[in-house]
């Protein structure tokens, strides 16, 4: 996977999402999405962010192909230090986000 388009296509396939559905999810035309997949056009940062969200990945992965190495011990320490200022809802959101990216 060397290109943005290849990574988008791979994630579409893995997630069983059609180009038409993804285009609708991210607010672009199907032809614009096709151009991104075929590496004929670079998406704007807002579109990249929407792509990452819709494909359940990161902008970093889409643009570089590198997945972030998550240091869960460091995340735990950061949350523990800040936990007294977080609401229960915020704590649950953090836990859910970490579990999704595990």
Protein backbone atom coordinates (compact mmCIF):
# COMPACT_ATOMS: atom_id res chain seq x y z
CA UNK A 1 0.00 0.00 0.00
CA UNK A 2 2.06 2.89 -1.23
CA UNK A 3 -0.59 5.43 -2.14
CA UNK A 4 -3.50 7.15 -0.51
CA UNK A 5 -5.81 5.70 -3.15
CA UNK A 6 -4.64 2.14 -2.47
CA UNK A 7 -5.21 2.59 1.25
CA UNK A 8 -8.72 4.00 0.70
CA UNK A 9 -9.56 1.12 -1.66
CA UNK A 10 -8.24 -1.45 0.82
CA UNK A 11 -10.30 0.01 3.67
CA UNK A 12 -13.40 0.18 1.48
CA UNK A 13 -12.99 -3.50 0.72
CA UNK A 14 -12.28 -4.48 4.33
CA UNK A 15 -15.30 -2.57 5.61
CA UNK A 16 -17.58 -3.65 2.74
CA UNK A 17 -18.50 -0.06 1.89
CA UNK A 18 -19.28 0.97 -1.69
CA UNK A 19 -17.67 4.03 -3.25
CA UNK A 20 -21.12 5.54 -3.62
CA UNK A 21 -21.87 5.09 0.09
CA UNK A 22 -18.48 6.43 1.17
CA UNK A 23 -18.83 9.46 -1.09
CA UNK A 24 -22.19 10.19 0.50
CA UNK A 25 -20.77 9.70 4.01
CA UNK A 26 -17.94 12.19 3.46
CA UNK A 27 -19.85 14.76 1.44
CA UNK A 28 -18.18 14.47 -1.96
CA UNK A 29 -19.32 13.24 -5.34
CA UNK A 30 -18.67 9.68 -6.37
CA UNK A 31 -16.46 10.96 -9.21
CA UNK A 32 -14.34 13.00 -6.76
CA UNK A 33 -13.88 9.94 -4.56
CA UNK A 34 -12.93 7.91 -7.62
CA UNK A 35 -10.23 10.48 -8.43
CA UNK A 36 -8.83 10.15 -4.89
CA UNK A 37 -8.77 6.35 -5.18
CA UNK A 38 -7.09 6.53 -8.59
CA UNK A 39 -4.56 9.07 -7.27
CA UNK A 40 -5.65 11.64 -9.83
CA UNK A 41 -6.48 14.22 -7.18
CA UNK A 42 -5.50 14.99 -3.59
CA UNK A 43 -8.36 15.54 -1.12
CA UNK A 44 -8.50 18.64 1.02
CA UNK A 45 -7.70 18.20 4.70
CA UNK A 46 -11.39 18.37 5.64
CA UNK A 47 -12.14 15.54 3.23
CA UNK A 48 -9.20 13.54 4.59
CA UNK A 49 -10.57 13.95 8.10
CA UNK A 50 -14.01 12.81 6.94
CA UNK A 51 -12.44 9.84 5.13
CA UNK A 52 -10.54 8.82 8.24
CA UNK A 53 -13.67 9.02 10.37
CA UNK A 54 -15.83 7.13 7.88
CA UNK A 55 -13.20 4.41 7.42
CA UNK A 56 -12.45 4.20 11.15
CA UNK A 57 -8.78 5.08 10.76
CA UNK A 58 -6.51 8.11 11.08
CA UNK A 59 -5.44 10.83 8.67
CA UNK A 60 -1.89 9.76 9.46
CA UNK A 61 -2.57 6.23 8.19
CA UNK A 62 -4.33 7.48 5.06
CA UNK A 63 -1.51 9.87 4.14
CA UNK A 64 1.55 7.86 5.21
CA UNK A 65 0.41 4.27 5.60
CA UNK A 66 1.80 4.20 9.11
CA UNK A 67 -0.36 3.19 12.01
CA UNK A 68 0.37 4.90 15.27
CA UNK A 69 2.03 2.74 17.85
CA UNK A 70 -0.12 3.23 20.90
CA UNK A 71 1.61 3.12 24.24
CA UNK A 72 -1.30 2.09 26.44
CA UNK A 73 0.76 2.43 29.62
CA UNK A 74 1.45 6.08 28.82
CA UNK A 75 -2.21 6.70 27.99
CA UNK A 76 -3.20 5.08 31.29
CA UNK A 77 -0.81 7.37 33.21
CA UNK A 78 -2.12 10.47 31.44
CA UNK A 79 -5.73 9.54 32.15
CA UNK A 80 -4.96 8.63 35.75
CA UNK A 81 -3.29 11.99 36.35
CA UNK A 82 -6.26 13.83 34.85
CA UNK A 83 -9.07 11.60 36.05
CA UNK A 84 -10.17 13.87 38.88
CA UNK A 85 -11.05 16.60 36.37
CA UNK A 86 -12.90 14.31 33.94
CA UNK A 87 -16.61 13.60 34.06
CA UNK A 88 -17.82 10.01 34.00
CA UNK A 89 -18.94 10.54 30.40
CA UNK A 90 -15.49 11.77 29.38
CA UNK A 91 -13.85 8.79 31.09
CA UNK A 92 -16.14 6.41 29.18
CA UNK A 93 -15.38 8.20 25.90
CA UNK A 94 -11.66 7.76 26.50
CA UNK A 95 -12.06 4.08 27.33
CA UNK A 96 -14.19 3.50 24.23
CA UNK A 97 -11.69 5.33 22.02
CA UNK A 98 -8.77 3.33 23.38
CA UNK A 99 -10.61 0.05 22.98
CA UNK A 100 -11.53 0.87 19.36
CA UNK A 101 -7.89 1.55 18.52
CA UNK A 102 -6.40 -1.38 20.36
